[in-house]
N, C-alpha and C. Protein backbone atom coordinates (compact mmCIF):
# COMPACT_ATOMS: atom_id res chain seq x y z
N MET A 1 -1.52 -11.05 -0.87
CA MET A 1 -0.99 -10.82 0.28
C MET A 1 -1.38 -9.69 1.02
N PRO A 2 -1.38 -9.02 2.19
CA PRO A 2 -1.58 -7.76 2.56
C PRO A 2 -0.21 -7.04 2.53
N LEU A 3 -0.28 -5.76 2.03
CA LEU A 3 1.01 -4.86 1.94
C LEU A 3 1.60 -4.70 3.22
N ALA A 4 1.30 -4.77 4.47
CA ALA A 4 1.84 -4.96 6.07
C ALA A 4 2.73 -5.72 5.86
N MET A 5 2.68 -6.89 4.88
CA MET A 5 3.34 -7.88 5.55
C MET A 5 4.85 -7.81 4.76
N MET A 6 5.03 -6.85 3.80
CA MET A 6 5.96 -6.67 3.09
C MET A 6 7.49 -5.69 3.76
N LYS A 7 8.39 -6.44 3.47
CA LYS A 7 9.53 -5.59 3.78
C LYS A 7 10.09 -4.46 3.27
N VAL A 8 11.00 -3.99 3.86
CA VAL A 8 11.69 -2.41 3.37
C VAL A 8 12.41 -3.05 2.26
N GLY A 9 12.52 -2.31 1.01
CA GLY A 9 13.25 -2.65 0.09
C GLY A 9 12.15 -3.67 -1.17
N GLU A 10 11.22 -4.09 -0.65
CA GLU A 10 10.25 -4.92 -1.47
C GLU A 10 9.46 -4.38 -2.57
N ARG A 11 9.20 -4.60 -3.62
CA ARG A 11 8.20 -4.34 -4.29
C ARG A 11 7.01 -4.98 -4.45
N ALA A 12 5.90 -4.21 -4.94
CA ALA A 12 4.73 -5.34 -5.46
C ALA A 12 3.58 -4.34 -6.17
N ARG A 13 2.95 -5.36 -6.86
CA ARG A 13 1.65 -4.98 -7.66
C ARG A 13 0.58 -4.90 -6.77
N VAL A 14 0.09 -3.86 -6.92
CA VAL A 14 -1.52 -3.85 -5.71
C VAL A 14 -2.67 -4.52 -6.87
N THR A 15 -3.33 -5.34 -5.98
CA THR A 15 -4.09 -6.46 -6.71
C THR A 15 -5.70 -6.22 -6.66
N ALA A 16 -5.70 -5.71 -5.11
CA ALA A 16 -7.14 -5.01 -4.87
C ALA A 16 -7.16 -4.41 -3.51
N VAL A 17 -8.18 -3.27 -3.29
CA VAL A 17 -8.20 -2.58 -2.08
C VAL A 17 -9.41 -2.75 -1.72
N THR A 18 -9.69 -3.71 -0.03
CA THR A 18 -10.47 -4.36 0.20
C THR A 18 -11.13 -3.15 1.51
N GLY A 19 -12.23 -3.17 2.14
CA GLY A 19 -12.97 -2.49 2.99
C GLY A 19 -13.81 -1.45 2.44
N GLY A 20 -14.77 -0.59 3.10
CA GLY A 20 -15.73 0.14 2.92
C GLY A 20 -15.40 0.95 1.45
N ASP A 21 -16.55 1.62 1.03
CA ASP A 21 -16.37 2.55 -0.26
C ASP A 21 -15.49 3.83 0.21
N SER A 22 -15.46 4.13 1.59
CA SER A 22 -15.11 5.74 2.15
C SER A 22 -13.28 5.04 2.04
N VAL A 23 -12.95 3.85 2.56
CA VAL A 23 -11.84 3.62 2.42
C VAL A 23 -11.14 3.41 0.79
N LYS A 24 -11.89 2.46 0.41
CA LYS A 24 -11.31 2.38 -0.93
C LYS A 24 -11.11 3.70 -1.95
N LYS A 25 -12.08 4.75 -1.67
CA LYS A 25 -12.16 6.21 -2.49
C LYS A 25 -10.89 6.72 -1.97
N HIS A 26 -10.49 6.66 -0.91
CA HIS A 26 -9.37 7.37 0.40
C HIS A 26 -8.21 6.81 -0.38
N LEU A 27 -7.82 5.48 -0.48
CA LEU A 27 -6.59 4.66 -0.80
C LEU A 27 -6.78 4.91 -2.25
N GLY A 28 -7.70 4.94 -3.05
CA GLY A 28 -7.79 5.65 -4.64
C GLY A 28 -7.13 6.51 -4.91
N SER A 29 -7.74 7.55 -4.19
CA SER A 29 -7.13 9.21 -4.34
C SER A 29 -5.60 9.17 -4.26
N LEU A 30 -4.81 8.51 -2.93
CA LEU A 30 -3.47 8.55 -2.85
C LEU A 30 -2.81 7.56 -3.96
N GLY A 31 -3.61 6.77 -4.75
CA GLY A 31 -2.77 6.52 -5.95
C GLY A 31 -2.96 4.60 -5.83
N PHE A 32 -3.57 4.14 -4.86
CA PHE A 32 -3.23 2.42 -4.48
C PHE A 32 -4.69 2.13 -5.64
N VAL A 33 -4.30 1.62 -6.74
CA VAL A 33 -5.41 1.18 -7.50
C VAL A 33 -4.68 -0.14 -8.01
N PRO A 34 -5.71 -0.99 -8.35
CA PRO A 34 -4.88 -2.07 -9.24
C PRO A 34 -4.19 -2.29 -10.36
N GLY A 35 -2.92 -2.64 -10.03
CA GLY A 35 -1.74 -2.71 -11.34
C GLY A 35 -0.79 -1.29 -11.04
N VAL A 36 -1.19 -0.96 -10.06
CA VAL A 36 0.33 -0.01 -9.67
C VAL A 36 1.24 -0.76 -8.77
N VAL A 37 2.72 -0.36 -9.16
CA VAL A 37 3.72 -1.16 -8.30
C VAL A 37 4.00 0.17 -7.35
N VAL A 38 4.16 -0.80 -6.23
CA VAL A 38 4.42 0.14 -4.47
C VAL A 38 5.34 -0.55 -4.12
N SER A 39 6.30 0.19 -3.58
CA SER A 39 7.93 -0.23 -3.24
C SER A 39 7.82 0.33 -1.52
N VAL A 40 8.13 -0.55 -0.61
CA VAL A 40 8.55 -0.06 1.09
C VAL A 40 9.76 0.54 0.91
N VAL A 41 9.39 1.71 1.45
CA VAL A 41 10.59 2.96 1.97
C VAL A 41 10.91 2.58 3.15
N GLN A 42 10.12 2.46 3.83
CA GLN A 42 10.41 2.59 5.62
C GLN A 42 9.19 2.00 6.27
N VAL A 43 9.29 1.38 7.36
CA VAL A 43 8.34 1.06 8.21
C VAL A 43 8.89 1.34 9.86
N MET A 44 8.20 1.42 10.55
CA MET A 44 8.47 2.32 11.91
C MET A 44 7.08 2.57 12.29
N ASP A 45 7.19 1.51 13.93
CA ASP A 45 5.96 1.83 14.86
C ASP A 45 4.62 1.30 13.99
N GLY A 46 4.82 0.57 12.96
CA GLY A 46 3.26 0.01 12.55
C GLY A 46 3.01 0.95 11.37
N SER A 47 3.79 1.89 11.33
CA SER A 47 3.03 2.54 9.87
C SER A 47 4.27 2.49 8.67
N MET A 48 4.00 2.73 7.56
CA MET A 48 4.85 2.38 6.43
C MET A 48 5.23 3.63 5.60
N ILE A 49 6.10 3.80 4.87
CA ILE A 49 6.52 4.71 4.24
C ILE A 49 6.41 4.07 2.93
N LEU A 50 5.74 4.19 1.64
CA LEU A 50 5.43 3.86 0.39
C LEU A 50 5.83 4.68 -0.72
N GLY A 51 6.38 4.40 -1.70
CA GLY A 51 6.59 4.67 -3.05
C GLY A 51 5.57 4.61 -3.96
N VAL A 52 4.99 5.69 -3.93
CA VAL A 52 3.54 5.18 -5.40
C VAL A 52 3.68 6.11 -6.44
N GLN A 53 3.94 5.81 -7.44
CA GLN A 53 3.86 6.44 -8.86
C GLN A 53 4.52 7.94 -8.53
N GLU A 54 5.88 7.66 -8.17
CA GLU A 54 6.78 8.76 -8.14
C GLU A 54 6.81 9.81 -6.85
N SER A 55 5.60 9.59 -5.89
CA SER A 55 5.25 9.64 -4.82
C SER A 55 5.64 9.12 -3.42
N ARG A 56 5.87 9.48 -2.02
CA ARG A 56 5.82 8.79 -0.91
C ARG A 56 4.76 8.90 -0.28
N ILE A 57 4.42 7.89 0.44
CA ILE A 57 2.90 8.38 1.12
C ILE A 57 2.93 7.22 2.27
N ALA A 58 2.58 7.92 3.50
CA ALA A 58 2.56 7.31 4.84
C ALA A 58 1.24 6.58 5.34
N VAL A 59 1.28 5.44 5.53
CA VAL A 59 -0.27 4.64 5.86
C VAL A 59 -0.03 4.23 7.15
N ASN A 60 -0.88 3.83 7.80
CA ASN A 60 -0.98 3.38 9.20
C ASN A 60 -1.29 1.78 8.48
N GLU A 61 -0.68 1.02 9.99
CA GLU A 61 -1.09 -0.27 9.82
C GLU A 61 -2.35 -0.89 9.11
N ASP A 62 -3.07 -0.44 9.68
CA ASP A 62 -4.50 -1.07 9.39
C ASP A 62 -5.15 -0.70 7.80
N LEU A 63 -4.27 0.73 7.34
CA LEU A 63 -4.81 0.71 6.16
C LEU A 63 -3.75 -0.18 5.24
N ALA A 64 -2.86 -0.28 5.54
CA ALA A 64 -1.66 -1.70 4.54
C ALA A 64 -2.10 -2.92 4.66
N ARG A 65 -2.91 -3.41 5.84
CA ARG A 65 -3.48 -3.92 5.56
C ARG A 65 -4.73 -4.62 4.76
N ARG A 66 -5.35 -3.37 3.96
CA ARG A 66 -6.23 -3.45 3.22
C ARG A 66 -6.19 -3.34 2.21
N ILE A 67 -4.57 -3.26 1.53
CA ILE A 67 -4.29 -3.11 0.20
C ILE A 67 -3.81 -4.35 0.09
N MET A 68 -4.20 -5.61 -1.03
CA MET A 68 -3.76 -6.50 -1.16
C MET A 68 -2.46 -6.65 -2.74
N VAL A 69 -1.71 -7.26 -2.42
CA VAL A 69 -0.44 -7.21 -3.36
C VAL A 69 -0.08 -8.71 -3.71
N GLU A 70 0.77 -8.64 -4.92
CA GLU A 70 1.48 -9.44 -5.29
C GLU A 70 3.06 -9.00 -5.60
N ALA A 71 3.82 -10.07 -5.79
CA ALA A 71 5.18 -10.12 -6.28
C ALA A 71 5.39 -9.64 -7.67
N ALA A 72 5.92 -8.03 -7.62
CA ALA A 72 6.13 -7.56 -8.85
C ALA A 72 6.98 -8.05 -9.93
C-alpha cells in the first residue's frame, strides 16, 4: 500500500519506490529504500513527517504515494 495511506503512530517497512529515476534517487538519498522501517510522526495538510533511520523527514502527499510499504 502507499505510505500516504498510513496514520499517525503506524510503522511499516518500505517495499518499493515508484516513479522516475530522479524520484527514486531523491527518495533513496532521504533513506527511503526497500527494507527500511518508517513511522508516521505527524500528518498535516497533505504532508507527512516521518521517522526514518533516526531522522525525521517531511514529504508531500505526492512523494508519499510513491513509497510502497507493508506492515512492519
